[in-house]
PDB file of N, CA and C in Angstrom:
ATOM      1  N   MET A   1     104.005 104.193  75.930  1.00  0.00           N
ATOM      2  CA  MET A   1     102.792 103.761  76.355  1.00  0.00           C
ATOM      3  C   MET A   1     101.811 104.275  75.438  1.00  0.00           C
ATOM      4  N   GLU A   2     102.206 104.494  73.999  1.00  0.00           N
ATOM      5  CA  GLU A   2     101.541 105.554  73.468  1.00  0.00           C
ATOM      6  C   GLU A   2     100.447 104.634  72.764  1.00  0.00           C
ATOM      7  N   GLN A   3     100.743 103.387  72.433  1.00  0.00           N
ATOM      8  CA  GLN A   3      99.550 102.625  71.862  1.00  0.00           C
ATOM      9  C   GLN A   3      98.118 102.880  72.891  1.00  0.00           C
ATOM     10  N   PHE A   4      98.638 102.455  74.752  1.00  0.00           N
ATOM     11  CA  PHE A   4      97.583 102.680  75.475  1.00  0.00           C
ATOM     12  C   PHE A   4      96.697 103.702  75.212  1.00  0.00           C
ATOM     13  N   ALA A   5      97.046 105.015  74.956  1.00  0.00           N
ATOM     14  CA  ALA A   5      96.628 106.228  74.907  1.00  0.00           C
ATOM     15  C   ALA A   5      95.880 105.835  73.354  1.00  0.00           C
ATOM     16  N   SER A   6      96.285 105.579  72.616  1.00  0.00           N
ATOM     17  CA  SER A   6      95.333 104.944  71.207  1.00  0.00           C
ATOM     18  C   SER A   6      94.264 104.257  71.595  1.00  0.00           C
ATOM     19  N   ASN A   7      94.350 103.469  72.565  1.00  0.00           N
ATOM     20  CA  ASN A   7      93.453 102.662  72.427  1.00  0.00           C
ATOM     21  C   ASN A   7      92.444 103.190  73.472  1.00  0.00           C
ATOM     22  N   LEU A   8      92.673 103.931  74.612  1.00  0.00           N
ATOM     23  CA  LEU A   8      91.979 104.327  75.205  1.00  0.00           C
ATOM     24  C   LEU A   8      90.766 105.357  74.378  1.00  0.00           C
ATOM     25  N   LYS A   9      91.518 106.234  73.622  1.00  0.00           N
ATOM     26  CA  LYS A   9      90.733 107.213  72.570  1.00  0.00           C
ATOM     27  C   LYS A   9      89.721 106.428  71.565  1.00  0.00           C
ATOM     28  N   LYS A  10      90.281 105.506  71.187  1.00  0.00           N
ATOM     29  CA  LYS A  10      89.569 104.607  70.004  1.00  0.00           C
ATOM     30  C   LYS A  10      88.328 104.154  70.722  1.00  0.00           C
ATOM     31  N   ARG A  11      88.597 103.327  71.909  1.00  0.00           N
ATOM     32  CA  ARG A  11      87.146 102.420  72.542  1.00  0.00           C
ATOM     33  C   ARG A  11      86.173 103.272  72.870  1.00  0.00           C
ATOM     34  N   ALA A  12      86.879 104.706  73.307  1.00  0.00           N
ATOM     35  CA  ALA A  12      85.927 105.358  74.015  1.00  0.00           C
ATOM     36  C   ALA A  12      84.954 105.626  72.892  1.00  0.00           C
ATOM     37  N   ALA A  13      85.566 106.096  71.806  1.00  0.00           N
ATOM     38  CA  ALA A  13      84.973 106.774  70.574  1.00  0.00           C
ATOM     39  C   ALA A  13      84.164 105.363  69.599  1.00  0.00           C
ATOM     40  N   GLU A  14      84.484 103.783  69.632  1.00  0.00           N
ATOM     41  CA  GLU A  14      83.592 102.905  69.170  1.00  0.00           C
ATOM     42  C   GLU A  14      82.145 102.627  70.226  1.00  0.00           C
ATOM     43  N   LEU A  15      82.472 103.048  72.001  1.00  0.00           N
ATOM     44  CA  LEU A  15      81.272 102.971  72.400  1.00  0.00           C
ATOM     45  C   LEU A  15      80.455 104.006  72.445  1.00  0.00           C
ATOM     46  N   GLY A  16      80.577 105.371  71.482  1.00  0.00           N
ATOM     47  CA  GLY A  16      79.981 106.070  71.778  1.00  0.00           C
ATOM     48  C   GLY A  16      80.018 107.082  72.800  1.00  0.00           C
ATOM     49  N   ILE A  17      80.930 107.073  73.569  1.00  0.00           N
ATOM     50  CA  ILE A  17      81.040 108.270  74.535  1.00  0.00           C
ATOM     51  C   ILE A  17      82.464 108.978  74.368  1.00  0.00           C
ATOM     52  N   SER A  18      82.606 110.347  75.026  1.00  0.00           N
ATOM     53  CA  SER A  18      84.042 111.257  75.267  1.00  0.00           C
ATOM     54  C   SER A  18      84.871 110.498  75.976  1.00  0.00           C
ATOM     55  N   ASN A  19      86.278 110.887  75.813  1.00  0.00           N
ATOM     56  CA  ASN A  19      87.030 110.492  76.768  1.00  0.00           C
ATOM     57  C   ASN A  19      86.421 111.446  78.572  1.00  0.00           C
ATOM     58  N   SER A  20      85.919 112.189  78.093  1.00  0.00           N
ATOM     59  CA  SER A  20      85.817 113.034  79.800  1.00  0.00           C
ATOM     60  C   SER A  20      84.969 111.737  80.225  1.00  0.00           C
ATOM     61  N   GLU A  21      83.809 111.777  79.345  1.00  0.00           N
ATOM     62  CA  GLU A  21      82.969 110.806  80.165  1.00  0.00           C
ATOM     63  C   GLU A  21      83.483 109.482  80.628  1.00  0.00           C
ATOM     64  N   ALA A  22      84.194 108.834  80.004  1.00  0.00           N
ATOM     65  CA  ALA A  22      84.920 107.532  80.325  1.00  0.00           C
ATOM     66  C   ALA A  22      85.696 108.236  81.203  1.00  0.00           C
ATOM     67  N   GLY A  23      86.206 109.151  81.849  1.00  0.00           N
ATOM     68  CA  GLY A  23      87.278 108.886  82.936  1.00  0.00           C
ATOM     69  C   GLY A  23      86.200 109.791  84.105  1.00  0.00           C
ATOM     70  N   ARG A  24      85.141 110.164  83.693  1.00  0.00           N
ATOM     71  CA  ARG A  24      84.501 110.540  84.725  1.00  0.00           C
ATOM     72  C   ARG A  24      83.630 108.746  85.328  1.00  0.00           C
ATOM     73  N   ARG A  25      83.394 108.346  84.022  1.00  0.00           N
ATOM     74  CA  ARG A  25      82.651 106.683  84.734  1.00  0.00           C
ATOM     75  C   ARG A  25      83.988 105.923  86.014  1.00  0.00           C
ATOM     76  N   ALA A  26      85.005 105.831  85.221  1.00  0.00           N
ATOM     77  CA  ALA A  26      86.114 104.733  85.880  1.00  0.00           C
ATOM     78  C   ALA A  26      86.543 106.036  86.958  1.00  0.00           C
ATOM     79  N   GLY A  27      85.596 107.024  87.427  1.00  0.00           N
ATOM     80  CA  GLY A  27      86.117 107.616  89.007  1.00  0.00           C
ATOM     81  C   GLY A  27      87.396 108.867  88.867  1.00  0.00           C
ATOM     82  N   LEU A  28      87.604 109.127  87.513  1.00  0.00           N
ATOM     83  CA  LEU A  28      88.955 109.528  87.304  1.00  0.00           C
ATOM     84  C   LEU A  28      88.582 111.411  87.049  1.00  0.00           C
ATOM     85  N   SER A  29      89.714 112.234  87.758  1.00  0.00           N
ATOM     86  CA  SER A  29      89.376 113.228  87.301  1.00  0.00           C
ATOM     87  C   SER A  29      89.881 113.552  85.660  1.00  0.00           C
ATOM     88  N   GLU A  30      88.956 114.610  85.294  1.00  0.00           N
ATOM     89  CA  GLU A  30      89.151 114.998  83.669  1.00  0.00           C
ATOM     90  C   GLU A  30      90.742 115.030  83.710  1.00  0.00           C
ATOM     91  N   ARG A  31      91.410 115.894  84.402  1.00  0.00           N
ATOM     92  CA  ARG A  31      92.877 115.990  84.090  1.00  0.00           C
ATOM     93  C   ARG A  31      93.482 114.500  84.156  1.00  0.00           C
ATOM     94  N   ARG A  32      93.476 114.340  85.068  1.00  0.00           N
ATOM     95  CA  ARG A  32      94.279 112.601  85.105  1.00  0.00           C
ATOM     96  C   ARG A  32      93.716 111.981  84.385  1.00  0.00           C
ATOM     97  N   TYR A  33      92.659 111.752  83.787  1.00  0.00           N
ATOM     98  CA  TYR A  33      92.321 110.471  82.443  1.00  0.00           C
ATOM     99  C   TYR A  33      93.173 111.481  81.807  1.00  0.00           C
ATOM    100  N   GLY A  34      93.116 112.731  81.174  1.00  0.00           N
ATOM    101  CA  GLY A  34      93.824 113.457  80.207  1.00  0.00           C
ATOM    102  C   GLY A  34      94.878 113.026  79.635  1.00  0.00           C
ATOM    103  N   ASN A  35      95.765 113.081  81.252  1.00  0.00           N
ATOM    104  CA  ASN A  35      97.173 112.339  81.027  1.00  0.00           C
ATOM    105  C   ASN A  35      97.530 111.411  80.516  1.00  0.00           C
ATOM    106  N   TYR A  36      96.326 110.650  81.066  1.00  0.00           N
ATOM    107  CA  TYR A  36      96.417 108.872  80.286  1.00  0.00           C
ATOM    108  C   TYR A  36      96.524 109.040  78.496  1.00  0.00           C
ATOM    109  N   ILE A  37      95.110 109.761  78.093  1.00  0.00           N
ATOM    110  CA  ILE A  37      94.971 109.840  76.714  1.00  0.00           C
ATOM    111  C   ILE A  37      95.893 110.760  76.198  1.00  0.00           C
ATOM    112  N   ALA A  38      96.800 111.270  76.198  1.00  0.00           N
ATOM    113  CA  ALA A  38      97.831 112.364  76.026  1.00  0.00           C
ATOM    114  C   ALA A  38      98.992 111.869  76.277  1.00  0.00           C
ATOM    115  N   ASP A  39      98.924 110.612  76.782  1.00  0.00           N
ATOM    116  CA  ASP A  39     100.531 109.984  76.855  1.00  0.00           C
ATOM    117  C   ASP A  39     101.821 110.817  77.896  1.00  0.00           C
ATOM    118  N   ARG A  40     101.036 111.199  78.797  1.00  0.00           N
ATOM    119  CA  ARG A  40     102.081 112.097  79.288  1.00  0.00           C
ATOM    120  C   ARG A  40     101.974 111.274  80.868  1.00  0.00           C
ATOM    121  N   ARG A  41     101.156 110.542  81.255  1.00  0.00           N
ATOM    122  CA  ARG A  41     101.004 109.818  82.486  1.00  0.00           C
ATOM    123  C   ARG A  41     101.013 108.096  82.152  1.00  0.00           C
ATOM    124  N   GLU A  42     101.713 107.111  83.117  1.00  0.00           N
ATOM    125  CA  GLU A  42     100.908 106.172  82.923  1.00  0.00           C
ATOM    126  C   GLU A  42     100.460 105.839  84.038  1.00  0.00           C
ATOM    127  N   PRO A  43      99.309 104.996  84.089  1.00  0.00           N
ATOM    128  CA  PRO A  43      98.545 104.512  85.096  1.00  0.00           C
ATOM    129  C   PRO A  43      98.795 103.300  85.881  1.00  0.00           C
ATOM    130  N   ASP A  44      98.567 102.940  86.997  1.00  0.00           N
ATOM    131  CA  ASP A  44      98.728 101.377  87.811  1.00  0.00           C
ATOM    132  C   ASP A  44      97.570 100.732  87.252  1.00  0.00           C
ATOM    133  N   LEU A  45      98.109  99.317  87.312  1.00  0.00           N
ATOM    134  CA  LEU A  45      97.414  98.161  87.334  1.00  0.00           C
ATOM    135  C   LEU A  45      96.078  98.576  87.414  1.00  0.00           C
ATOM    136  N   ALA A  46      95.587  98.801  89.030  1.00  0.00           N
ATOM    137  CA  ALA A  46      94.535  98.973  89.263  1.00  0.00           C
ATOM    138  C   ALA A  46      93.570 100.139  88.288  1.00  0.00           C
ATOM    139  N   THR A  47      93.901 100.723  88.037  1.00  0.00           N
ATOM    140  CA  THR A  47      93.609 102.089  87.407  1.00  0.00           C
ATOM    141  C   THR A  47      93.219 101.065  86.295  1.00  0.00           C
ATOM    142  N   VAL A  48      94.421 100.769  85.381  1.00  0.00           N
ATOM    143  CA  VAL A  48      93.838 100.469  84.359  1.00  0.00           C
ATOM    144  C   VAL A  48      92.297  99.432  84.384  1.00  0.00           C
ATOM    145  N   VAL A  49      92.601  98.505  84.912  1.00  0.00           N
ATOM    146  CA  VAL A  49      91.613  97.376  85.030  1.00  0.00           C
ATOM    147  C   VAL A  49      90.149  98.290  85.378  1.00  0.00           C
ATOM    148  N   ARG A  50      90.240  99.196  86.369  1.00  0.00           N
ATOM    149  CA  ARG A  50      89.251 100.278  86.519  1.00  0.00           C
ATOM    150  C   ARG A  50      88.731 100.372  85.011  1.00  0.00           C
ATOM    151  N   ILE A  51      89.434 101.309  84.316  1.00  0.00           N
ATOM    152  CA  ILE A  51      89.260 101.919  82.686  1.00  0.00           C
ATOM    153  C   ILE A  51      88.787 100.349  81.697  1.00  0.00           C
ATOM    154  N   ALA A  52      89.560  99.845  81.981  1.00  0.00           N
ATOM    155  CA  ALA A  52      89.249  98.651  81.132  1.00  0.00           C
ATOM    156  C   ALA A  52      87.204  98.274  80.831  1.00  0.00           C
ATOM    157  N   LYS A  53      87.022  98.197  82.347  1.00  0.00           N
ATOM    158  CA  LYS A  53      85.833  97.591  83.188  1.00  0.00           C
ATOM    159  C   LYS A  53      84.718  98.332  82.085  1.00  0.00           C
ATOM    160  N   VAL A  54      85.289  99.727  82.900  1.00  0.00           N
ATOM    161  CA  VAL A  54      84.305 100.918  82.114  1.00  0.00           C
ATOM    162  C   VAL A  54      84.281 101.188  80.620  1.00  0.00           C
ATOM    163  N   LEU A  55      85.352 100.413  79.925  1.00  0.00           N
ATOM    164  CA  LEU A  55      84.969 100.964  78.711  1.00  0.00           C
ATOM    165  C   LEU A  55      84.650  99.475  77.943  1.00  0.00           C
ATOM    166  N   GLN A  56      84.607  98.510  78.638  1.00  0.00           N
ATOM    167  CA  GLN A  56      83.877  97.273  78.428  1.00  0.00           C
ATOM    168  C   GLN A  56      84.951  96.345  77.575  1.00  0.00           C
ATOM    169  N   THR A  57      86.111  96.025  78.380  1.00  0.00           N
ATOM    170  CA  THR A  57      87.854  95.412  77.170  1.00  0.00           C
ATOM    171  C   THR A  57      87.984  94.871  78.189  1.00  0.00           C
ATOM    172  N   THR A  58      89.360  94.644  78.140  1.00  0.00           N
ATOM    173  CA  THR A  58      90.377  94.312  79.034  1.00  0.00           C
ATOM    174  C   THR A  58      91.673  94.855  78.866  1.00  0.00           C
ATOM    175  N   PRO A  59      91.848  94.729  80.133  1.00  0.00           N
ATOM    176  CA  PRO A  59      93.646  95.577  80.175  1.00  0.00           C
ATOM    177  C   PRO A  59      94.261  94.758  79.662  1.00  0.00           C
ATOM    178  N   ASP A  60      94.445  93.535  78.777  1.00  0.00           N
ATOM    179  CA  ASP A  60      95.463  93.202  77.673  1.00  0.00           C
ATOM    180  C   ASP A  60      95.082  93.895  76.500  1.00  0.00           C
ATOM    181  N   ARG A  61      94.143  94.334  76.112  1.00  0.00           N
ATOM    182  CA  ARG A  61      93.981  94.868  75.074  1.00  0.00           C
ATOM    183  C   ARG A  61      93.601  96.301  74.758  1.00  0.00           C
ATOM    184  N   LEU A  62      93.850  96.996  75.933  1.00  0.00           N
ATOM    185  CA  LEU A  62      94.466  98.426  75.909  1.00  0.00           C
ATOM    186  C   LEU A  62      95.514  98.456  76.048  1.00  0.00           C
ATOM    187  N   LEU A  63      96.349  97.476  76.137  1.00  0.00           N
ATOM    188  CA  LEU A  63      97.641  97.921  76.578  1.00  0.00           C
ATOM    189  C   LEU A  63      98.093  96.785  75.427  1.00  0.00           C
ATOM    190  N   SER A  64      97.374  96.419  74.696  1.00  0.00           N
ATOM    191  CA  SER A  64      98.036  96.012  72.905  1.00  0.00           C
ATOM    192  C   SER A  64      98.728  94.301  73.064  1.00  0.00           C
ATOM    193  N   PHE A  65      97.888  93.550  74.063  1.00  0.00           N
ATOM    194  CA  PHE A  65      98.260  92.585  74.666  1.00  0.00           C
ATOM    195  C   PHE A  65      97.704  91.641  73.728  1.00  0.00           C
ATOM    196  N   GLY A  66      96.135  91.837  73.761  1.00  0.00           N
ATOM    197  CA  GLY A  66      95.168  90.820  73.728  1.00  0.00           C
ATOM    198  C   GLY A  66      95.059  90.642  72.281  1.00  0.00           C
ATOM    199  N   ASP A  67      94.197  89.595  71.352  1.00  0.00           N
ATOM    200  CA  ASP A  67      93.236  89.591  70.501  1.00  0.00           C
ATOM    201  C   ASP A  67      92.728  90.769  70.188  1.00  0.00           C
ATOM    202  N   GLU A  68      92.696  91.508  68.784  1.00  0.00           N
ATOM    203  CA  GLU A  68      91.894  92.803  68.551  1.00  0.00           C
ATOM    204  C   GLU A  68      90.411  92.621  68.162  1.00  0.00           C
ATOM    205  N   THR A  69      89.853  91.297  68.236  1.00  0.00           N
ATOM    206  CA  THR A  69      88.913  91.118  67.851  1.00  0.00           C
ATOM    207  C   THR A  69      87.879  90.993  68.750  1.00  0.00           C
ATOM    208  N   GLU A  70      86.395  91.740  68.598  1.00  0.00           N
ATOM    209  CA  GLU A  70      85.744  91.416  70.004  1.00  0.00           C
ATOM    210  C   GLU A  70      84.259  90.457  69.558  1.00  0.00           C
ATOM    211  N   ALA A  71      83.856  89.967  70.505  1.00  0.00           N
ATOM    212  CA  ALA A  71      82.891  88.966  70.278  1.00  0.00           C
ATOM    213  C   ALA A  71      81.664  89.112  70.149  1.00  0.00           C
ATOM    214  N   GLU A  72      81.403  90.141  70.731  1.00  0.00           N
ATOM    215  CA  GLU A  72      80.197  91.049  71.103  1.00  0.00           C
ATOM    216  C   GLU A  72      80.306  92.049  70.072  1.00  0.00           C
ATOM    217  N   PRO A  73      78.781  92.163  69.235  1.00  0.00           N
ATOM    218  CA  PRO A  73      78.650  93.485  68.702  1.00  0.00           C
ATOM    219  C   PRO A  73      78.857  95.009  69.787  1.00  0.00           C
ATOM    220  N   ILE A  74      78.802  95.427  68.454  1.00  0.00           N
ATOM    221  CA  ILE A  74      79.357  96.843  69.828  1.00  0.00           C
ATOM    222  C   ILE A  74      78.614  97.685  70.223  1.00  0.00           C
ATOM    223  N   ALA A  75      77.398  97.400  69.165  1.00  0.00           N
ATOM    224  CA  ALA A  75      75.875  97.769  69.630  1.00  0.00           C
ATOM    225  C   ALA A  75      75.763  97.474  71.273  1.00  0.00           C
ATOM    226  N   GLN A  76      76.120  95.953  71.834  1.00  0.00           N
ATOM    227  CA  GLN A  76      75.592  95.290  73.000  1.00  0.00           C
ATOM    228  C   GLN A  76      76.465  95.838  74.007  1.00  0.00           C
ATOM    229  N   GLN A  77      78.233  96.309  73.425  1.00  0.00           N
ATOM    230  CA  GLN A  77      79.321  96.460  74.285  1.00  0.00           C
ATOM    231  C   GLN A  77      79.203  98.179  74.558  1.00  0.00           C
ATOM    232  N   ARG A  78      78.384  98.872  73.743  1.00  0.00           N
ATOM    233  CA  ARG A  78      77.763 100.270  74.193  1.00  0.00           C
ATOM    234  C   ARG A  78      77.075 100.290  75.571  1.00  0.00           C
ATOM    235  N   ILE A  79      75.956  99.395  74.993  1.00  0.00           N
ATOM    236  CA  ILE A  79      74.904  98.993  76.063  1.00  0.00           C
ATOM    237  C   ILE A  79      75.529  98.476  77.536  1.00  0.00           C
ATOM    238  N   ARG A  80      76.274  97.944  77.434  1.00  0.00           N
ATOM    239  CA  ARG A  80      76.982  97.222  78.496  1.00  0.00           C
ATOM    240  C   ARG A  80      77.681  98.038  79.787  1.00  0.00           C
ATOM    241  N   ALA A  81      78.489  99.295  78.377  1.00  0.00           N
ATOM    242  CA  ALA A  81      79.341 100.326  79.102  1.00  0.00           C
ATOM    243  C   ALA A  81      78.061 101.354  79.750  1.00  0.00           C
ATOM    244  N   ALA A  82      77.168 101.479  78.909  1.00  0.00           N
ATOM    245  CA  ALA A  82      75.915 102.961  79.759  1.00  0.00           C
ATOM    246  C   ALA A  82      75.108 102.065  80.870  1.00  0.00           C
ATOM    247  N   ILE A  83      75.113 100.662  80.412  1.00  0.00           N
ATOM    248  CA  ILE A  83      74.401 100.317  82.492  1.00  0.00           C
ATOM    249  C   ILE A  83      74.925 100.335  83.444  1.00  0.00           C
ATOM    250  N   GLY A  84      76.298 100.894  83.745  1.00  0.00           N
ATOM    251  CA  GLY A  84      77.314 101.279  84.990  1.00  0.00           C
ATOM    252  C   GLY A  84      76.878 102.466  85.436  1.00  0.00           C
ATOM    253  N   VAL A  85      76.363 103.346  84.819  1.00  0.00           N
ATOM    254  CA  VAL A  85      76.008 104.157  85.439  1.00  0.00           C
ATOM    255  C   VAL A  85      74.270 104.786  85.476  1.00  0.00           C
ATOM    256  N   LEU A  86      73.687 103.954  85.100  1.00  0.00           N
ATOM    257  CA  LEU A  86      72.104 103.924  85.409  1.00  0.00           C
ATOM    258  C   LEU A  86      71.384 103.483  86.816  1.00  0.00           C
ATOM    259  N   SER A  87      70.871 103.907  87.266  1.00  0.00           N
ATOM    260  CA  SER A  87      69.719 103.676  88.368  1.00  0.00           C
ATOM    261  C   SER A  87      69.588 102.484  88.831  1.00  0.00           C
ATOM    262  N   PRO A  88      69.275 101.935  89.430  1.00  0.00           N
ATOM    263  CA  PRO A  88      68.111 100.506  89.588  1.00  0.00           C
ATOM    264  C   PRO A  88      66.782 100.874  88.729  1.00  0.00           C
ATOM    265  N   ASP A  89      66.255 102.286  88.783  1.00  0.00           N
ATOM    266  CA  ASP A  89      65.074 102.485  88.127  1.00  0.00           C
ATOM    267  C   ASP A  89      65.291 102.667  86.414  1.00  0.00           C
ATOM    268  N   ASP A  90      66.224 103.496  86.317  1.00  0.00           N
ATOM    269  CA  ASP A  90      66.437 103.199  84.868  1.00  0.00           C
ATOM    270  C   ASP A  90      66.732 102.068  84.380  1.00  0.00           C
ATOM    271  N   LEU A  91      67.472 100.916  85.364  1.00  0.00           N
ATOM    272  CA  LEU A  91      67.606  99.875  84.692  1.00  0.00           C
ATOM    273  C   LEU A  91      66.053  99.177  83.857  1.00  0.00           C
ATOM    274  N   GLU A  92      65.360  99.130  85.245  1.00  0.00           N
ATOM    275  CA  GLU A  92      64.459  98.837  85.057  1.00  0.00           C
ATOM    276  C   GLU A  92      63.531  99.180  83.764  1.00  0.00           C
ATOM    277  N   THR A  93      63.642 100.289  83.318  1.00  0.00           N
ATOM    278  CA  THR A  93      62.780 100.954  82.471  1.00  0.00           C
ATOM    279  C   THR A  93      63.390 100.803  80.905  1.00  0.00           C
ATOM    280  N   VAL A  94      64.884 100.433  81.067  1.00  0.00           N
ATOM    281  CA  VAL A  94      65.577 100.309  79.872  1.00  0.00           C
ATOM    282  C   VAL A  94      65.054  98.741  79.760  1.00  0.00           C
ATOM    283  N   ALA A  95      65.147  97.480  80.365  1.00  0.00           N
ATOM    284  CA  ALA A  95      64.829  96.197  80.707  1.00  0.00           C
ATOM    285  C   ALA A  95      63.079  96.021  80.061  1.00  0.00           C
ATOM    286  N   ILE A  96      62.545  97.097  80.479  1.00  0.00           N
ATOM    287  CA  ILE A  96      61.164  96.955  79.911  1.00  0.00           C
ATOM    288  C   ILE A  96      61.023  97.691  78.547  1.00  0.00           C
ATOM    289  N   MET A  97      61.639  98.495  78.042  1.00  0.00           N
ATOM    290  CA  MET A  97      61.959  98.569  76.377  1.00  0.00           C
ATOM    291  C   MET A  97      62.570  97.774  75.644  1.00  0.00           C
ATOM    292  N   VAL A  98      63.433  97.228  76.160  1.00  0.00           N
ATOM    293  CA  VAL A  98      64.363  96.000  75.460  1.00  0.00           C
ATOM    294  C   VAL A  98      63.117  94.990  75.502  1.00  0.00           C
ATOM    295  N   GLU A  99      62.814  94.657  76.501  1.00  0.00           N
ATOM    296  CA  GLU A  99      61.860  93.417  76.364  1.00  0.00           C
ATOM    297  C   GLU A  99      60.741  93.437  75.148  1.00  0.00           C
ATOM    298  N   ALA A 100      60.134  94.951  75.387  1.00  0.00           N
ATOM    299  CA  ALA A 100      59.032  95.167  74.382  1.00  0.00           C
ATOM    300  C   ALA A 100      59.824  95.155  73.058  1.00  0.00           C
ATOM    301  N   LEU A 101      60.768  95.558  72.362  1.00  0.00           N
ATOM    302  CA  LEU A 101      61.099  95.949  71.098  1.00  0.00           C
ATOM    303  C   LEU A 101      61.433  94.210  71.058  1.00  0.00           C
ATOM    304  N   ALA A 102      61.933  92.782  71.558  1.00  0.00           N
ATOM    305  CA  ALA A 102      62.212  91.774  71.481  1.00  0.00           C
ATOM    306  C   ALA A 102      60.993  91.313  70.978  1.00  0.00           C
ATOM    307  N   SER A 103      60.051  91.410  71.779  1.00  0.00           N
ATOM    308  CA  SER A 103      58.669  91.136  71.609  1.00  0.00           C
ATOM    309  C   SER A 103      58.081  91.818  70.081  1.00  0.00           C
ATOM    310  N   LYS A 104      57.987  92.947  69.747  1.00  0.00           N
ATOM    311  CA  LYS A 104      57.419  93.501  68.701  1.00  0.00           C
ATOM    312  C   LYS A 104      58.425  92.393  67.710  1.00  0.00           C
ATOM    313  N   ARG A 105      59.845  92.531  67.822  1.00  0.00           N
ATOM    314  CA  ARG A 105      60.553  91.897  66.400  1.00  0.00           C
ATOM    315  C   ARG A 105      60.355  90.032  66.542  1.00  0.00           C
ATOM    316  N   HIS A 106      60.011  89.616  67.533  1.00  0.00           N
ATOM    317  CA  HIS A 106      59.797  88.536  67.462  1.00  0.00           C
ATOM    318  C   HIS A 106      58.783  88.029  67.118  1.00  0.00           C
ATOM    319  N   ALA A 107      57.174  89.211  66.939  1.00  0.00           N
ATOM    320  CA  ALA A 107      56.231  88.638  66.534  1.00  0.00           C
ATOM    321  C   ALA A 107      55.743  89.364  65.066  1.00  0.00           C
ATOM    322  N   GLY A 108      57.031  89.625  64.648  1.00  0.00           N
ATOM    323  CA  GLY A 108      57.419  90.098  63.229  1.00  0.00           C
ATOM    324  C   GLY A 108      56.798  91.499  63.013  1.00  0.00           C
ATOM    325  N   GLY A 109      56.833  92.127  63.961  1.00  0.00           N
ATOM    326  CA  GLY A 109      55.975  93.588  63.819  1.00  0.00           C
ATOM    327  C   GLY A 109      57.061  94.588  63.060  1.00  0.00           C
ATOM    328  N   GLY A 110      58.464  93.980  63.032  1.00  0.00           N
ATOM    329  CA  GLY A 110      59.467  95.310  62.333  1.00  0.00           C
ATOM    330  C   GLY A 110      60.796  94.435  62.379  1.00  0.00           C
TER     331      GLY A 110
END
């Protein structure tokens, strides 16, 4: 499962989050997630699915069974990954900010 460990580290880096943050978001202890990224242990299927969700990818991609290309730009993937840890109030603030930026861009202001 060396490729799985490598894919975990690579995907977290692509999203701009630390390995410990990825593990925390997946509800795993730092030690347990550390075992996966160090290729000392293999997670069960439910854990792979949970980690894939946090890393905004698929279990197939983490396990190197799928297509390596991502259809969605990395910035959107990073935003989608971060959304999972925001409160409803924080999400509302983010939505307002994104809408304001989009409106400004559409109006030719930037």
